[in-house]
Amino acid sequence: MAYFLTFNDVSFSYPSSTKPVLENISVQFPEGWTGITGDNGAGKTTLLLMAAGIENPSAGNIQGKGGIYCPQRTDDPPGDWEEFFYSGDRDAERLMNRLNINAAFMDRWDTLSHGERKRMQVGIALWKNPPLLALDEPTNHLDREGRDLIAANLEGYRGIGLLVSHDRALLDRLCKSCLFLRRGSAVMRPGGISQGLAEEERELLAGRRMKQNLAAERSRLAAEADKRRRTAESAKNRLSKKHIDPKDKDTKGKINLAIISGKDASGTRLYRKMQNRVERLDQSLEKARDFGEQKKGLTLRGTRAKMDSLWRSPPGEIPLGEDRALQFPELVILPENRIALTGPNGAGKSTLIRHIRTGLPPQLKTLYIPQEISAQESAELLREVLDENEKNRGEIIARFSRLGSSPASLLQSSLPSPGEIRKLMIARGVSADPSLIIMDEPTNHLDLTSMQLLEEMLGEVEAALLLVSHDEVFLSKLANREWSISGEGKLETK
């Protein structure tokens, strides 16, 4: 017997919000994987939380809800980890082997890479084998091997799977359909994300053409209405007795006859009829406003530093724990460098970033976006932005909007989503005019549109770049040098 998760006219609003995050959503999810896509702040995580029974809708009802939600954040260890590691359960052992997880992970949780934490988080969720599994960005932080391991294990899940991800390959590989969230509404499209995006683009193109046709028709009718208005006014002036000689009885008689027969009102009626048609077209154009293009994109030029080098280090090594160390040759960051820092999960990339940041000259203006921003740090950053003076706050929120997210969604939440907080850090950092930009996994948590906007923005900067990422396409477009760390802890420059 097939099972379904059904949303019946569901809406969700935060207590402080003036507009619902999701509004009148009616959709059915069958067994198998369904992708959930939309801009940061569109309500993807909220939908997963309601499906898992963690949040309740503000209106409507959900049938078949209840399961496990696997969050984006990797701040804390997942629940039931002790049973997973020490029960001797064969399914647990199989998943540990297949996802390269071992019991020593819990002894060094604080030093695990976020990719290692993510594998463990997803592994425990799969081991519980719930009837519904809601995964929020399961491949964030993962290297290519980790993504392949996660995808292969998710293919074996047989319940109702909801998958929020910006990983197009994963969505195409797993999903039979994708739900597109846009401005509070939802549209289900068959197939993976590539097929769904192509269908959405066709719909948007048709919508834009419809809007253009409506606008052209509106202009034509408005011109015709104005012509009839002038005709009506001319007729009214002709029927006026104001400038007629009081003794001209014949002319006055003709005007009286025109008034009695209603000829003076015909032009006015035609004008009003045409004006009504113009107003109806205005209403149609208002309904078609969503097919318009929101102004997006952000400029972050930065400044080319007038220094021989921004940072330099002789050959050395950095401890990584458990008798491991990262060994590196002489390293230098020049003002014109655009460096890709690559390597598998746990190789020491973030550790090297911390080492570099402690040795930067104090006068060097730097924009740093960390790999992960905790919930507490996110809430504090939002409060800091809201406490800015009105001018600065307005500029930051405007930049945030141009990175593809709704300011209303941000401002009505006490805890921004990981994608929203990343955009907020970028929006605030633009005013710093940096000479060095360091970003650790910058595409994590970002929606597909925002990833493209970030790529375009970084492609134009004059500042030096140091980018950590597992997105090979992203790095190939932006970097001109590579620092590569092997699994054995050795760094090579290319």
Protein backbone atom coordinates (compact mmCIF):
# COMPACT_ATOMS: atom_id res chain seq x y z
CA MET A 1 0.00 0.00 0.00
CA ALA A 2 1.35 3.42 -1.00
CA TYR A 3 1.63 6.10 1.68
CA PHE A 4 1.35 9.83 1.15
CA LEU A 5 2.12 13.03 2.99
CA THR A 6 -0.61 15.55 2.19
CA PHE A 7 -0.70 19.29 2.84
CA ASN A 8 -4.27 20.63 2.75
CA ASP A 9 -4.50 24.41 2.29
CA VAL A 10 -1.58 24.91 4.70
CA SER A 11 -0.26 28.32 5.74
CA PHE A 12 2.48 29.21 8.19
CA SER A 13 3.26 32.55 9.83
CA TYR A 14 5.67 33.51 12.56
CA PRO A 15 4.03 35.28 15.53
CA SER A 16 5.74 38.57 14.67
CA SER A 17 5.27 38.33 10.89
CA THR A 18 2.95 40.50 8.83
CA LYS A 19 2.96 38.12 5.87
CA PRO A 20 2.83 34.28 5.83
CA VAL A 21 6.01 32.40 5.00
CA LEU A 22 3.85 29.80 3.23
CA GLU A 23 0.30 30.45 2.15
CA ASN A 24 -2.51 28.07 1.12
CA ILE A 25 -0.18 25.20 0.16
CA SER A 26 -1.98 22.08 -1.10
CA VAL A 27 0.34 19.34 -2.28
CA GLN A 28 0.82 15.57 -1.96
CA PHE A 29 4.17 13.80 -1.50
CA PRO A 30 4.39 10.09 -2.46
CA GLU A 31 7.00 7.56 -1.41
CA GLY A 32 10.42 8.26 -2.87
CA TRP A 33 12.38 11.49 -2.98
CA THR A 34 10.86 14.88 -3.73
CA GLY A 35 13.16 17.86 -4.10
CA ILE A 36 12.23 21.15 -2.41
CA THR A 37 13.71 24.25 -4.03
CA GLY A 38 13.35 28.01 -3.63
CA ASP A 39 15.24 31.14 -2.64
CA ASN A 40 16.72 31.46 0.85
CA GLY A 41 13.86 32.46 3.14
CA ALA A 42 11.19 31.00 0.85
CA GLY A 43 10.03 28.55 3.53
CA LYS A 44 11.85 25.32 2.59
CA THR A 45 13.02 24.50 6.12
CA THR A 46 9.64 25.50 7.55
CA LEU A 47 7.94 23.03 5.22
CA LEU A 48 10.30 20.23 6.33
CA LEU A 49 9.69 21.00 10.01
CA MET A 50 5.91 20.85 9.51
CA ALA A 51 6.21 17.58 7.57
CA ALA A 52 8.25 16.04 10.40
CA GLY A 53 5.70 17.23 12.97
CA ILE A 54 8.11 19.63 14.69
CA GLU A 55 6.18 22.76 13.67
CA ASN A 56 2.41 23.12 13.30
CA PRO A 57 0.74 25.08 10.50
CA SER A 58 -0.99 28.36 11.27
CA ALA A 59 -3.89 27.24 9.08
CA GLY A 60 -4.90 24.08 7.22
CA ASN A 61 -3.91 20.52 8.10
CA ILE A 62 -1.26 17.93 7.25
CA GLN A 63 -2.03 14.23 6.86
CA GLY A 64 0.68 11.61 7.30
CA LYS A 65 3.13 13.93 9.03
CA GLY A 66 5.77 12.72 11.47
CA GLY A 67 9.30 11.48 10.93
CA ILE A 68 12.90 12.68 11.23
CA TYR A 69 14.21 16.09 10.30
CA CYS A 70 17.93 16.28 9.58
CA PRO A 71 19.00 19.94 9.95
CA GLN A 72 21.38 22.10 7.96
CA ARG A 73 23.46 23.05 10.97
CA THR A 74 26.10 20.74 12.37
CA ASP A 75 26.68 22.61 15.64
CA ASP A 76 25.65 19.74 17.94
CA PRO A 77 26.04 15.94 17.84
CA PRO A 78 22.97 14.11 16.52
CA GLY A 79 20.76 12.30 19.03
CA ASP A 80 21.00 8.52 19.61
CA TRP A 81 24.65 8.45 18.63
CA GLU A 82 25.58 6.12 21.51
CA GLU A 83 23.06 3.48 20.43
CA PHE A 84 24.17 3.86 16.83
CA PHE A 85 27.83 3.26 17.67
CA TYR A 86 27.62 0.67 20.45
CA SER A 87 24.46 -1.40 19.84
CA GLY A 88 26.21 -3.90 17.57
CA ASP A 89 23.33 -3.50 15.13
CA ARG A 90 24.27 -4.80 11.67
CA ASP A 91 22.49 -1.98 9.86
CA ALA A 92 24.43 0.55 11.93
CA GLU A 93 27.73 -1.21 11.18
CA ARG A 94 26.87 -1.31 7.48
CA LEU A 95 26.13 2.41 7.40
CA MET A 96 29.29 3.23 9.36
CA ASN A 97 31.35 1.31 6.84
CA ARG A 98 29.60 2.77 3.82
CA LEU A 99 29.84 6.37 5.09
CA ASN A 100 33.36 6.10 6.56
CA ILE A 101 32.16 6.78 10.11
CA ASN A 102 33.85 5.40 13.20
CA ALA A 103 33.13 5.47 16.93
CA ALA A 104 36.12 7.74 17.57
CA PHE A 105 34.13 10.56 15.96
CA MET A 106 32.37 11.25 19.26
CA ASP A 107 35.64 11.51 21.17
CA ARG A 108 36.73 14.37 18.93
CA TRP A 109 33.45 15.97 17.88
CA ASP A 110 34.84 19.48 18.32
CA THR A 111 37.71 18.77 15.92
CA LEU A 112 35.65 16.95 13.29
CA SER A 113 35.27 18.75 9.99
CA HIS A 114 31.73 19.82 9.18
CA GLY A 115 31.76 17.28 6.34
CA GLU A 116 32.53 14.46 8.80
CA ARG A 117 29.77 15.72 11.09
CA LYS A 118 27.33 15.80 8.17
CA ARG A 119 28.09 12.16 7.21
CA MET A 120 27.44 11.08 10.77
CA GLN A 121 24.24 13.15 11.00
CA VAL A 122 22.78 11.63 7.82
CA GLY A 123 24.00 8.12 8.70
CA ILE A 124 22.12 8.08 12.03
CA ALA A 125 18.97 9.44 10.36
CA LEU A 126 19.07 6.66 7.75
CA TRP A 127 19.73 4.02 10.42
CA LYS A 128 16.48 4.98 12.18
CA ASN A 129 14.66 4.25 8.90
CA PRO A 130 11.66 6.52 9.61
CA PRO A 131 8.52 6.53 7.42
CA LEU A 132 9.35 10.13 6.52
CA LEU A 133 12.84 11.59 6.24
CA ALA A 134 13.28 15.35 5.74
CA LEU A 135 16.86 16.25 4.80
CA ASP A 136 18.01 19.88 4.82
CA GLU A 137 21.12 20.37 2.62
CA PRO A 138 22.66 16.91 3.27
CA THR A 139 25.69 17.45 1.01
CA ASN A 140 26.82 20.77 2.49
CA HIS A 141 30.53 20.68 3.46
CA LEU A 142 31.09 17.35 1.71
CA ASP A 143 33.90 16.60 -0.73
CA ARG A 144 33.20 14.63 -3.91
CA GLU A 145 33.69 11.27 -2.20
CA GLY A 146 31.37 12.27 0.64
CA ARG A 147 28.66 13.42 -1.77
CA ASP A 148 28.84 10.15 -3.67
CA LEU A 149 28.61 8.17 -0.42
CA ILE A 150 25.56 10.12 0.75
CA ALA A 151 23.80 9.83 -2.61
CA ALA A 152 24.38 6.07 -2.84
CA ASN A 153 22.94 5.52 0.64
CA LEU A 154 19.94 7.80 0.09
CA GLU A 155 19.02 5.80 -3.00
CA GLY A 156 18.23 2.85 -0.75
CA TYR A 157 15.67 4.75 1.37
CA ARG A 158 12.10 3.55 0.73
CA GLY A 159 9.95 5.98 2.73
CA ILE A 160 8.71 9.46 1.91
CA GLY A 161 11.81 11.56 1.37
CA LEU A 162 11.87 15.37 1.27
CA LEU A 163 15.16 16.81 0.06
CA VAL A 164 16.18 20.47 0.32
CA SER A 165 19.43 20.91 -1.57
CA HIS A 166 21.35 23.20 -3.92
CA ASP A 167 23.19 20.13 -5.25
CA ARG A 168 21.75 19.75 -8.76
CA ALA A 169 23.43 16.40 -9.37
CA LEU A 170 21.88 14.97 -6.20
CA LEU A 171 18.39 16.31 -6.99
CA ASP A 172 18.55 14.92 -10.54
CA ARG A 173 19.86 11.58 -9.32
CA LEU A 174 17.27 10.98 -6.56
CA CYS A 175 14.09 12.94 -7.21
CA LYS A 176 10.99 11.91 -9.13
CA SER A 177 9.54 15.40 -8.75
CA CYS A 178 10.47 18.80 -7.31
CA LEU A 179 8.39 21.35 -5.39
CA PHE A 180 9.20 24.96 -6.31
CA LEU A 181 8.51 27.51 -3.57
CA ARG A 182 8.09 31.06 -4.80
CA ARG A 183 6.71 34.01 -2.78
CA GLY A 184 4.71 31.81 -0.42
CA SER A 185 3.14 29.61 -3.11
CA ALA A 186 4.14 26.15 -4.31
CA VAL A 187 4.24 24.40 -7.70
CA MET A 188 5.05 20.69 -8.12
CA ARG A 189 6.86 19.74 -11.32
CA PRO A 190 7.80 16.22 -12.47
CA GLY A 191 11.38 15.02 -12.76
CA GLY A 192 14.63 16.21 -11.25
CA ILE A 193 15.75 19.78 -10.78
CA SER A 194 17.08 20.25 -14.34
CA GLN A 195 13.76 19.24 -15.88
CA GLY A 196 11.83 21.34 -13.34
CA LEU A 197 13.97 24.45 -13.90
CA ALA A 198 13.57 24.14 -17.67
CA GLU A 199 9.80 23.92 -17.25
CA GLU A 200 9.81 26.89 -14.89
CA GLU A 201 11.83 28.94 -17.38
CA ARG A 202 9.31 28.13 -20.13
CA GLU A 203 6.47 29.23 -17.84
CA LEU A 204 8.29 32.45 -16.89
CA LEU A 205 9.03 33.21 -20.55
CA ALA A 206 5.36 32.69 -21.45
CA GLY A 207 4.38 34.87 -18.50
CA ARG A 208 6.74 37.66 -19.55
CA ARG A 209 5.38 37.56 -23.09
CA MET A 210 1.85 37.74 -21.71
CA LYS A 211 2.83 40.73 -19.60
CA GLN A 212 4.44 42.45 -22.59
CA ASN A 213 1.31 41.86 -24.68
CA LEU A 214 -0.90 43.21 -21.89
CA ALA A 215 1.32 46.27 -21.54
CA ALA A 216 1.21 46.93 -25.30
CA GLU A 217 -2.58 46.55 -25.37
CA ARG A 218 -2.87 48.82 -22.36
CA SER A 219 -0.80 51.52 -24.09
CA ARG A 220 -2.92 51.29 -27.23
CA LEU A 221 -6.18 51.54 -25.31
CA ALA A 222 -4.88 54.36 -23.12
CA ALA A 223 -3.98 56.34 -26.26
CA GLU A 224 -7.41 55.66 -27.74
CA ALA A 225 -9.10 56.64 -24.47
CA ASP A 226 -7.14 59.89 -24.41
CA LYS A 227 -8.19 60.58 -28.01
CA ARG A 228 -11.85 60.04 -27.11
CA ARG A 229 -11.46 62.24 -24.05
CA ARG A 230 -10.22 65.07 -26.23
CA THR A 231 -13.09 64.46 -28.68
CA ALA A 232 -15.60 64.54 -25.83
CA GLU A 233 -14.11 67.77 -24.46
CA SER A 234 -14.20 69.33 -27.93
CA ALA A 235 -17.86 68.36 -28.33
CA LYS A 236 -18.62 69.81 -24.91
CA ASN A 237 -16.98 73.08 -25.88
CA ARG A 238 -18.94 73.19 -29.12
CA LEU A 239 -22.22 72.75 -27.22
CA SER A 240 -21.39 75.51 -24.75
CA LYS A 241 -23.50 78.73 -25.02
CA LYS A 242 -20.94 80.74 -23.12
CA HIS A 243 -19.50 82.60 -26.12
CA ILE A 244 -22.67 82.73 -28.31
CA ASP A 245 -24.33 86.02 -29.12
CA PRO A 246 -27.51 86.24 -26.99
CA LYS A 247 -29.41 87.22 -30.13
CA ASP A 248 -28.26 84.09 -32.09
CA LYS A 249 -31.45 82.06 -31.57
CA ASP A 250 -30.73 79.51 -34.33
CA THR A 251 -27.37 78.37 -32.83
CA LYS A 252 -28.84 78.16 -29.34
CA GLY A 253 -31.71 76.08 -30.67
CA LYS A 254 -29.36 73.61 -32.31
CA ILE A 255 -27.38 73.25 -29.07
CA ASN A 256 -30.58 72.69 -27.09
CA LEU A 257 -31.65 70.01 -29.58
CA ALA A 258 -28.23 68.25 -29.24
CA ILE A 259 -28.49 68.28 -25.46
CA ILE A 260 -32.06 66.90 -25.53
CA SER A 261 -31.07 64.13 -27.98
CA GLY A 262 -28.04 63.19 -25.85
CA LYS A 263 -25.45 63.84 -28.52
CA ASP A 264 -23.33 65.79 -26.05
CA ALA A 265 -22.91 62.70 -23.81
CA SER A 266 -21.96 60.15 -26.47
CA GLY A 267 -18.28 61.12 -26.54
CA THR A 268 -18.09 61.03 -22.76
CA ARG A 269 -19.67 57.55 -22.65
CA LEU A 270 -17.19 56.25 -25.22
CA TYR A 271 -14.31 57.68 -23.20
CA ARG A 272 -15.53 56.12 -19.96
CA LYS A 273 -16.03 52.76 -21.67
CA MET A 274 -12.47 52.85 -22.99
CA GLN A 275 -11.12 53.96 -19.62
CA ASN A 276 -12.82 50.98 -17.94
CA ARG A 277 -11.02 48.65 -20.34
CA VAL A 278 -7.71 50.31 -19.46
CA GLU A 279 -8.40 49.81 -15.74
CA ARG A 280 -9.20 46.11 -16.28
CA LEU A 281 -5.88 45.71 -18.10
CA ASP A 282 -4.12 47.42 -15.19
CA GLN A 283 -5.61 44.75 -12.90
CA SER A 284 -4.37 42.00 -15.22
CA LEU A 285 -0.90 43.53 -15.27
CA GLU A 286 -0.90 43.64 -11.46
CA LYS A 287 -1.69 39.91 -11.36
CA ALA A 288 1.15 39.29 -13.82
CA ARG A 289 3.71 41.27 -11.78
CA ASP A 290 5.47 38.09 -10.59
CA PHE A 291 6.75 37.55 -14.12
CA GLY A 292 8.75 40.75 -13.87
CA GLU A 293 12.44 40.66 -13.16
CA GLN A 294 13.55 41.57 -9.64
CA LYS A 295 16.71 43.64 -9.73
CA LYS A 296 19.48 41.35 -8.49
CA GLY A 297 23.23 41.37 -8.30
CA LEU A 298 25.74 43.07 -6.04
CA THR A 299 29.01 44.84 -6.75
CA LEU A 300 31.95 44.20 -4.44
CA ARG A 301 35.02 45.70 -6.06
CA GLY A 302 37.34 45.82 -3.09
CA THR A 303 40.75 47.43 -3.39
CA ARG A 304 44.04 46.09 -4.73
CA ALA A 305 46.40 46.41 -1.77
CA LYS A 306 49.58 48.43 -2.31
CA MET A 307 51.80 45.84 -0.65
CA ASP A 308 54.35 43.37 -1.99
CA SER A 309 52.50 40.55 -0.22
CA LEU A 310 49.44 40.31 2.02
CA TRP A 311 50.69 37.30 3.97
CA ARG A 312 53.78 35.14 3.90
CA SER A 313 54.91 32.08 5.84
CA PRO A 314 58.04 29.92 5.75
CA PRO A 315 57.64 26.15 5.43
CA GLY A 316 56.08 24.58 8.50
CA GLU A 317 53.32 22.41 9.92
CA ILE A 318 50.11 22.87 11.92
CA PRO A 319 48.86 20.24 14.41
CA LEU A 320 45.53 18.65 13.47
CA GLY A 321 45.09 16.38 16.51
CA GLU A 322 45.52 12.62 16.95
CA ASP A 323 49.21 12.77 15.97
CA ARG A 324 48.27 14.37 12.66
CA ALA A 325 49.70 17.56 11.17
CA LEU A 326 49.32 19.68 8.06
CA GLN A 327 52.69 20.15 6.36
CA PHE A 328 53.15 23.05 3.95
CA PRO A 329 55.94 24.68 1.90
CA GLU A 330 56.60 28.41 1.84
CA LEU A 331 53.25 30.13 1.26
CA VAL A 332 52.53 33.65 0.09
CA ILE A 333 49.38 35.58 -0.79
CA LEU A 334 50.00 38.38 -3.29
CA PRO A 335 47.58 41.29 -3.91
CA GLU A 336 46.61 39.87 -7.31
CA ASN A 337 46.17 36.23 -6.19
CA ARG A 338 42.88 34.36 -6.51
CA ILE A 339 43.60 31.12 -4.65
CA ALA A 340 41.51 27.94 -4.47
CA LEU A 341 42.22 25.92 -1.31
CA THR A 342 41.16 22.31 -1.95
CA GLY A 343 41.33 18.95 -0.22
CA PRO A 344 39.19 16.19 1.30
CA ASN A 345 37.10 16.60 4.44
CA GLY A 346 39.27 16.69 7.55
CA ALA A 347 42.46 17.53 5.64
CA GLY A 348 42.95 20.82 7.53
CA LYS A 349 41.62 23.52 5.17
CA SER A 350 39.71 25.46 7.83
CA THR A 351 42.63 25.02 10.25
CA LEU A 352 44.96 26.62 7.69
CA ILE A 353 42.51 29.49 7.24
CA ARG A 354 42.57 30.15 10.99
CA HIS A 355 46.39 30.07 10.92
CA ILE A 356 46.51 32.58 8.07
CA ARG A 357 44.04 34.97 9.71
CA THR A 358 46.11 35.18 12.91
CA GLY A 359 49.12 36.35 10.90
CA LEU A 360 47.49 39.01 8.69
CA PRO A 361 48.73 42.60 9.04
CA PRO A 362 46.34 44.58 11.28
CA GLN A 363 46.02 47.37 8.69
CA LEU A 364 44.85 44.96 5.96
CA LYS A 365 41.10 45.26 5.31
CA THR A 366 39.70 41.73 5.18
CA LEU A 367 36.26 40.22 4.57
CA TYR A 368 35.99 36.74 6.11
CA ILE A 369 32.99 34.42 5.68
CA PRO A 370 33.40 31.27 7.83
CA GLN A 371 32.33 27.79 6.84
CA GLU A 372 29.59 27.59 9.46
CA ILE A 373 27.89 30.26 11.55
CA SER A 374 26.26 29.03 14.77
CA ALA A 375 22.68 29.84 15.70
CA GLN A 376 23.86 32.14 18.49
CA GLU A 377 26.27 33.99 16.20
CA SER A 378 23.52 34.33 13.58
CA ALA A 379 21.07 35.89 16.04
CA GLU A 380 23.77 38.28 17.31
CA LEU A 381 24.69 39.37 13.78
CA LEU A 382 21.06 40.13 12.95
CA ARG A 383 20.74 42.21 16.13
CA GLU A 384 23.90 44.13 15.23
CA VAL A 385 22.52 44.98 11.78
CA LEU A 386 19.18 46.08 13.24
CA ASP A 387 21.05 48.30 15.72
CA GLU A 388 22.86 50.14 12.91
CA ASN A 389 21.79 53.71 12.19
CA GLU A 390 18.95 54.05 9.70
CA LYS A 391 21.17 54.85 6.69
CA ASN A 392 23.60 51.95 7.21
CA ARG A 393 20.80 49.52 8.04
CA GLY A 394 18.92 50.50 4.89
CA GLU A 395 21.98 50.01 2.70
CA ILE A 396 22.73 46.58 4.17
CA ILE A 397 19.13 45.39 3.74
CA ALA A 398 19.06 46.69 0.16
CA ARG A 399 22.23 44.73 -0.67
CA PHE A 400 20.77 41.66 1.04
CA SER A 401 17.69 41.94 -1.19
CA ARG A 402 19.84 42.10 -4.32
CA LEU A 403 21.42 38.77 -3.34
CA GLY A 404 18.01 37.19 -4.00
CA SER A 405 16.23 37.04 -0.63
CA SER A 406 13.25 38.81 0.89
CA PRO A 407 14.09 41.41 3.55
CA ALA A 408 10.64 40.83 5.09
CA SER A 409 11.46 37.17 5.71
CA LEU A 410 14.76 38.14 7.33
CA LEU A 411 13.35 40.87 9.56
CA GLN A 412 10.39 38.87 10.87
CA SER A 413 12.61 36.02 12.11
CA SER A 414 14.64 36.06 15.31
CA LEU A 415 16.96 33.41 13.81
CA PRO A 416 17.85 33.78 10.11
CA SER A 417 18.39 30.66 8.03
CA PRO A 418 22.05 29.70 7.36
CA GLY A 419 21.68 30.96 3.77
CA GLU A 420 20.18 34.27 4.87
CA ILE A 421 22.89 34.90 7.47
CA ARG A 422 25.62 34.21 4.91
CA LYS A 423 24.08 36.78 2.57
CA LEU A 424 23.75 39.24 5.43
CA MET A 425 27.46 38.91 6.22
CA ILE A 426 28.31 39.57 2.57
CA ALA A 427 25.91 42.54 2.40
CA ARG A 428 27.48 44.09 5.50
CA GLY A 429 31.04 43.30 4.39
CA VAL A 430 30.68 45.18 1.09
CA SER A 431 31.11 48.53 2.85
CA ALA A 432 34.47 47.42 4.31
CA ASP A 433 36.15 47.83 0.88
CA PRO A 434 38.41 44.79 1.55
CA SER A 435 41.77 44.06 -0.03
CA LEU A 436 41.55 40.35 0.91
CA ILE A 437 38.41 38.20 0.80
CA ILE A 438 38.52 34.82 2.54
CA MET A 439 35.50 32.55 2.13
CA ASP A 440 35.28 29.03 3.57
CA GLU A 441 32.70 27.01 1.61
CA PRO A 442 30.83 30.15 0.48
CA THR A 443 28.18 28.29 -1.56
CA ASN A 444 27.00 26.18 1.39
CA HIS A 445 23.36 26.93 2.29
CA LEU A 446 22.87 29.25 -0.69
CA ASP A 447 20.05 28.71 -3.17
CA LEU A 448 20.90 28.16 -6.85
CA THR A 449 20.21 31.76 -7.89
CA SER A 450 22.33 33.15 -5.06
CA MET A 451 25.25 30.88 -5.96
CA GLN A 452 25.27 32.37 -9.45
CA LEU A 453 25.04 35.94 -8.08
CA LEU A 454 27.96 35.27 -5.71
CA GLU A 455 30.02 33.85 -8.55
CA GLU A 456 29.34 36.93 -10.69
CA MET A 457 30.17 39.27 -7.80
CA LEU A 458 33.49 37.59 -6.98
CA GLY A 459 34.42 37.45 -10.65
CA GLU A 460 34.67 41.26 -10.71
CA VAL A 461 36.51 41.99 -7.45
CA GLU A 462 39.89 43.69 -7.41
CA ALA A 463 40.76 42.31 -3.97
CA ALA A 464 42.76 39.11 -3.50
CA LEU A 465 40.68 35.93 -3.02
CA LEU A 466 41.24 32.83 -0.89
CA LEU A 467 38.36 30.40 -1.47
CA VAL A 468 37.72 27.02 0.13
CA SER A 469 35.17 24.99 -1.80
CA HIS A 470 34.31 21.52 -3.08
CA ASP A 471 32.47 23.09 -6.02
CA GLU A 472 34.94 22.56 -8.83
CA VAL A 473 32.98 24.62 -11.37
CA PHE A 474 32.78 27.55 -8.96
CA LEU A 475 36.54 27.48 -8.33
CA SER A 476 37.46 27.04 -11.99
CA LYS A 477 35.69 30.31 -12.84
CA LEU A 478 37.28 32.35 -10.05
CA ALA A 479 40.75 31.04 -9.12
CA ASN A 480 44.10 31.45 -10.87
CA ARG A 481 46.13 29.45 -8.32
CA GLU A 482 45.51 26.32 -6.25
CA TRP A 483 46.72 25.15 -2.86
CA SER A 484 45.88 21.46 -2.69
CA ILE A 485 45.96 19.41 0.53
CA SER A 486 46.23 15.64 0.19
CA GLY A 487 44.64 13.09 2.48
CA GLU A 488 48.10 12.54 3.97
CA GLY A 489 48.22 16.14 5.19
CA LYS A 490 50.65 17.62 2.67
CA LEU A 491 49.95 20.89 0.90
CA GLU A 492 51.14 21.53 -2.64
CA THR A 493 50.94 24.81 -4.56
CA LYS A 494 50.06 24.91 -8.26
